[in-house]
C-alpha atoms as a PDB file:
ATOM      1  CA  MET A   1      35.929 -13.814  23.874  1.00  0.00           C
ATOM      2  CA  LYS A   2      33.793 -16.865  24.643  1.00  0.00           C
ATOM      3  CA  ARG A   3      31.914 -14.771  27.211  1.00  0.00           C
ATOM      4  CA  TYR A   4      30.658 -12.465  24.475  1.00  0.00           C
ATOM      5  CA  LEU A   5      29.652 -15.169  22.020  1.00  0.00           C
ATOM      6  CA  PRO A   6      26.098 -15.618  23.403  1.00  0.00           C
ATOM      7  CA  PHE A   7      25.520 -11.859  23.297  1.00  0.00           C
ATOM      8  CA  LEU A   8      26.870 -11.619  19.767  1.00  0.00           C
ATOM      9  CA  ALA A   9      24.687 -14.522  18.642  1.00  0.00           C
ATOM     10  CA  SER A  10      21.626 -12.906  20.250  1.00  0.00           C
ATOM     11  CA  ALA A  11      22.353  -9.580  18.565  1.00  0.00           C
ATOM     12  CA  LEU A  12      22.709 -11.241  15.160  1.00  0.00           C
ATOM     13  CA  LEU A  13      19.488 -13.191  15.680  1.00  0.00           C
ATOM     14  CA  LEU A  14      17.566 -10.047  16.607  1.00  0.00           C
ATOM     15  CA  ALA A  15      18.970  -8.134  13.645  1.00  0.00           C
ATOM     16  CA  SER A  16      18.001 -10.900  11.241  1.00  0.00           C
ATOM     17  CA  CYS A  17      14.429 -10.904  12.565  1.00  0.00           C
ATOM     18  CA  ALA A  18      13.777  -7.212  11.932  1.00  0.00           C
ATOM     19  CA  PRO A  19      10.669  -6.748   9.795  1.00  0.00           C
ATOM     20  CA  SER A  20      11.306  -5.653   6.238  1.00  0.00           C
ATOM     21  CA  PRO A  21       9.349  -5.362   2.988  1.00  0.00           C
ATOM     22  CA  GLU A  22       9.841  -7.868   0.198  1.00  0.00           C
ATOM     23  CA  PRO A  23       9.468  -7.275  -3.526  1.00  0.00           C
ATOM     24  CA  ILE A  24       6.135  -8.099  -5.127  1.00  0.00           C
ATOM     25  CA  GLU A  25       6.509 -10.796  -7.763  1.00  0.00           C
ATOM     26  CA  TYR A  26       4.149  -9.320 -10.362  1.00  0.00           C
ATOM     27  CA  GLY A  27       2.291 -12.017 -12.252  1.00  0.00           C
ATOM     28  CA  SER A  28       2.780 -14.687  -9.568  1.00  0.00           C
ATOM     29  CA  ASP A  29       2.035 -13.184  -6.111  1.00  0.00           C
ATOM     30  CA  TYR A  30      -1.584 -13.116  -4.990  1.00  0.00           C
ATOM     31  CA  CYS A  31      -3.485 -10.390  -3.176  1.00  0.00           C
ATOM     32  CA  HIS A  32      -4.009 -11.304   0.471  1.00  0.00           C
ATOM     33  CA  PHE A  33      -7.425  -9.608   0.468  1.00  0.00           C
ATOM     34  CA  CYS A  34      -9.132 -10.488  -2.828  1.00  0.00           C
ATOM     35  CA  LYS A  35      -6.903 -13.423  -3.922  1.00  0.00           C
ATOM     36  CA  MET A  36      -6.349 -11.992  -7.435  1.00  0.00           C
ATOM     37  CA  THR A  37      -2.926 -12.232  -9.066  1.00  0.00           C
ATOM     38  CA  ILE A  38      -0.953  -9.005  -8.633  1.00  0.00           C
ATOM     39  CA  VAL A  39      -0.046  -7.689 -12.088  1.00  0.00           C
ATOM     40  CA  ASP A  40      -0.415  -3.884 -11.998  1.00  0.00           C
ATOM     41  CA  ARG A  41       2.853  -2.184 -10.978  1.00  0.00           C
ATOM     42  CA  GLN A  42       1.126   1.195 -10.483  1.00  0.00           C
ATOM     43  CA  HIS A  43      -1.486   0.132  -7.956  1.00  0.00           C
ATOM     44  CA  GLY A  44       0.052  -2.607  -5.767  1.00  0.00           C
ATOM     45  CA  ALA A  45       0.560  -2.303  -2.021  1.00  0.00           C
ATOM     46  CA  GLU A  46       2.229  -4.141   0.836  1.00  0.00           C
ATOM     47  CA  ALA A  47       1.822  -4.258   4.613  1.00  0.00           C
ATOM     48  CA  VAL A  48       4.448  -5.720   6.945  1.00  0.00           C
ATOM     49  CA  THR A  49       3.604  -6.497  10.567  1.00  0.00           C
ATOM     50  CA  ASP A  50       5.859  -5.572  13.454  1.00  0.00           C
ATOM     51  CA  LYS A  51       6.726  -9.289  13.628  1.00  0.00           C
ATOM     52  CA  GLY A  52       7.744  -9.391   9.942  1.00  0.00           C
ATOM     53  CA  LYS A  53       4.737 -11.078   8.279  1.00  0.00           C
ATOM     54  CA  VAL A  54       4.273  -9.643   4.779  1.00  0.00           C
ATOM     55  CA  TYR A  55       0.858  -9.108   3.164  1.00  0.00           C
ATOM     56  CA  LYS A  56       0.753  -8.181  -0.523  1.00  0.00           C
ATOM     57  CA  PHE A  57      -2.179  -6.507  -2.275  1.00  0.00           C
ATOM     58  CA  ASP A  58      -3.096  -5.970  -5.927  1.00  0.00           C
ATOM     59  CA  ALA A  59      -4.698  -2.607  -5.190  1.00  0.00           C
ATOM     60  CA  ILE A  60      -4.427   0.065  -2.517  1.00  0.00           C
ATOM     61  CA  GLU A  61      -8.130  -0.333  -1.787  1.00  0.00           C
ATOM     62  CA  CYS A  62      -7.527  -3.995  -0.898  1.00  0.00           C
ATOM     63  CA  MET A  63      -4.881  -2.988   1.652  1.00  0.00           C
ATOM     64  CA  VAL A  64      -7.068  -0.250   3.145  1.00  0.00           C
ATOM     65  CA  ASN A  65      -9.995  -2.657   3.515  1.00  0.00           C
ATOM     66  CA  TYR A  66      -7.740  -5.326   5.054  1.00  0.00           C
ATOM     67  CA  LEU A  67      -6.391  -2.788   7.561  1.00  0.00           C
ATOM     68  CA  LYS A  68      -9.948  -1.766   8.475  1.00  0.00           C
ATOM     69  CA  GLN A  69     -10.733  -5.426   9.219  1.00  0.00           C
ATOM     70  CA  ASN A  70      -7.596  -5.768  11.397  1.00  0.00           C
ATOM     71  CA  PRO A  71      -7.475  -2.578  13.483  1.00  0.00           C
ATOM     72  CA  ASP A  72      -5.449  -4.077  16.347  1.00  0.00           C
ATOM     73  CA  GLN A  73      -2.519  -5.252  14.219  1.00  0.00           C
ATOM     74  CA  GLU A  74       0.737  -3.323  14.619  1.00  0.00           C
ATOM     75  CA  TRP A  75       2.383  -2.459  11.290  1.00  0.00           C
ATOM     76  CA  ALA A  76       6.079  -1.873  10.652  1.00  0.00           C
ATOM     77  CA  TYR A  77       5.477  -0.842   7.026  1.00  0.00           C
ATOM     78  CA  LEU A  78       2.511   0.239   4.926  1.00  0.00           C
ATOM     79  CA  LEU A  79       3.687   0.720   1.350  1.00  0.00           C
ATOM     80  CA  VAL A  80       2.149   1.597  -2.004  1.00  0.00           C
ATOM     81  CA  ASN A  81       3.361   1.552  -5.603  1.00  0.00           C
ATOM     82  CA  PRO A  82       3.398   5.196  -6.732  1.00  0.00           C
ATOM     83  CA  PHE A  83       1.940   5.921 -10.163  1.00  0.00           C
ATOM     84  CA  GLU A  84       5.023   7.824 -11.292  1.00  0.00           C
ATOM     85  CA  ASN A  85       7.456   5.043 -10.237  1.00  0.00           C
ATOM     86  CA  PRO A  86       5.750   1.719 -11.072  1.00  0.00           C
ATOM     87  CA  GLY A  87       6.937  -1.232  -9.013  1.00  0.00           C
ATOM     88  CA  ASP A  88       8.723   0.907  -6.405  1.00  0.00           C
ATOM     89  CA  PHE A  89       7.511   1.212  -2.824  1.00  0.00           C
ATOM     90  CA  PHE A  90       6.609   4.465  -1.091  1.00  0.00           C
ATOM     91  CA  PRO A  91       5.287   4.951   2.481  1.00  0.00           C
ATOM     92  CA  ALA A  92       1.488   4.882   2.277  1.00  0.00           C
ATOM     93  CA  GLN A  93       1.075   7.525   4.971  1.00  0.00           C
ATOM     94  CA  GLU A  94       3.200  10.011   2.973  1.00  0.00           C
ATOM     95  CA  ALA A  95       1.569   9.488  -0.428  1.00  0.00           C
ATOM     96  CA  THR A  96      -1.024  11.706  -2.072  1.00  0.00           C
ATOM     97  CA  TYR A  97      -4.006   9.813  -3.516  1.00  0.00           C
ATOM     98  CA  LEU A  98      -6.201  10.555  -6.509  1.00  0.00           C
ATOM     99  CA  ILE A  99      -9.637   9.047  -7.021  1.00  0.00           C
ATOM    100  CA  SER A 100     -10.488   9.691 -10.665  1.00  0.00           C
ATOM    101  CA  PRO A 101     -13.089   8.063 -12.936  1.00  0.00           C
ATOM    102  CA  ASN A 102     -10.510   8.437 -15.728  1.00  0.00           C
ATOM    103  CA  LEU A 103      -7.755   6.456 -13.985  1.00  0.00           C
ATOM    104  CA  PRO A 104      -8.952   2.904 -13.214  1.00  0.00           C
ATOM    105  CA  SER A 105      -7.425   0.744 -10.487  1.00  0.00           C
ATOM    106  CA  PRO A 106      -7.592  -3.073 -10.350  1.00  0.00           C
ATOM    107  CA  MET A 107     -10.526  -3.330  -7.937  1.00  0.00           C
ATOM    108  CA  GLY A 108     -12.630  -0.480  -9.304  1.00  0.00           C
ATOM    109  CA  ALA A 109     -12.148   2.218  -6.653  1.00  0.00           C
ATOM    110  CA  TYR A 110     -10.257   4.362  -9.200  1.00  0.00           C
ATOM    111  CA  LEU A 111      -7.630   4.951  -6.494  1.00  0.00           C
ATOM    112  CA  THR A 112      -4.026   5.801  -7.406  1.00  0.00           C
ATOM    113  CA  ALA A 113      -1.085   6.774  -5.164  1.00  0.00           C
ATOM    114  CA  PHE A 114       1.554   9.402  -5.940  1.00  0.00           C
ATOM    115  CA  ALA A 115       4.847   9.972  -4.153  1.00  0.00           C
ATOM    116  CA  SER A 116       4.787  13.585  -5.330  1.00  0.00           C
ATOM    117  CA  GLU A 117       1.877  15.874  -4.505  1.00  0.00           C
ATOM    118  CA  ALA A 118       2.819  17.997  -7.529  1.00  0.00           C
ATOM    119  CA  GLU A 119       2.586  14.938  -9.802  1.00  0.00           C
ATOM    120  CA  ALA A 120      -0.801  14.063  -8.280  1.00  0.00           C
ATOM    121  CA  GLN A 121      -2.026  17.597  -8.971  1.00  0.00           C
ATOM    122  CA  ALA A 122      -0.762  17.454 -12.562  1.00  0.00           C
ATOM    123  CA  VAL A 123      -2.568  14.159 -13.208  1.00  0.00           C
ATOM    124  CA  GLN A 124      -5.686  15.520 -11.476  1.00  0.00           C
ATOM    125  CA  ALA A 125      -5.639  18.535 -13.837  1.00  0.00           C
ATOM    126  CA  GLU A 126      -5.566  16.137 -16.798  1.00  0.00           C
ATOM    127  CA  LYS A 127      -7.860  13.352 -15.542  1.00  0.00           C
ATOM    128  CA  SER A 128     -10.049  15.170 -12.950  1.00  0.00           C
ATOM    129  CA  GLY A 129     -10.952  13.637  -9.586  1.00  0.00           C
ATOM    130  CA  ASP A 130     -10.363  14.177  -5.880  1.00  0.00           C
ATOM    131  CA  LEU A 131      -7.018  14.397  -4.060  1.00  0.00           C
ATOM    132  CA  LEU A 132      -6.857  12.718  -0.657  1.00  0.00           C
ATOM    133  CA  GLY A 133      -4.424  11.929   2.128  1.00  0.00           C
ATOM    134  CA  TRP A 134      -3.899   8.500   3.720  1.00  0.00           C
ATOM    135  CA  GLN A 135      -6.104   9.411   6.696  1.00  0.00           C
ATOM    136  CA  ASP A 136      -9.037  10.114   4.321  1.00  0.00           C
ATOM    137  CA  LEU A 137      -9.053   6.716   2.604  1.00  0.00           C
ATOM    138  CA  PRO A 138     -10.823   4.455   5.156  1.00  0.00           C
ATOM    139  CA  GLU A 139     -13.924   6.650   5.222  1.00  0.00           C
ATOM    140  CA  ARG A 140     -13.880   7.327   1.481  1.00  0.00           C
ATOM    141  CA  LEU A 141     -13.507   3.629   0.642  1.00  0.00           C
ATOM    142  CA  ARG A 142     -16.561   2.453   2.501  1.00  0.00           C
ATOM    143  CA  THR A 143     -18.075  -0.322   0.395  1.00  0.00           C
ATOM    144  CA  GLY A 144     -19.144   1.082  -2.952  1.00  0.00           C
ATOM    145  CA  GLU A 145     -18.754   4.742  -2.011  1.00  0.00           C
ATOM    146  CA  ALA A 146     -15.402   5.691  -3.546  1.00  0.00           C
ATOM    147  CA  MET A 147     -16.957   6.852  -6.796  1.00  0.00           C
ATOM    148  CA  SER A 148     -20.492   7.667  -5.640  1.00  0.00           C
ATOM    149  CA  THR A 149     -19.493  10.997  -4.089  1.00  0.00           C
ATOM    150  CA  MET A 150     -17.784  12.022  -7.329  1.00  0.00           C
ATOM    151  CA  GLU A 151     -20.906  11.363  -9.378  1.00  0.00           C
ATOM    152  CA  GLU A 152     -23.128  13.707  -7.363  1.00  0.00           C
END
């Protein structure tokens, strides 16, 4: 039994070091990108590195811009708060996004995530705007351009 103790201890240590998301403490956590207090449960986001460091954001656009500034970082999790389930996390790469002038987000990009594409389409029918996938966001969120293409 004593022979296996070092292996067991190593396995437990590795398991305890696995990266994982942590809840956003709305009203007290700060955005890693813009330093504002995170209060909006429908627009928050979180990125977790492959080493387990957690970055919290008050808006999806803050996370996207942070990721653009750190292209070499490996990410274990990229998560967003979906509009239809405030405060919950949903994989950012699987979400459907709506940029609508009638649905403000904390940093002014009018960007909202939805876990359900059908829900995103229903809100788009009511509020107008453009539906996007995760891969579309970096280009669309170039400084100041999120809304400019909608106004043309």
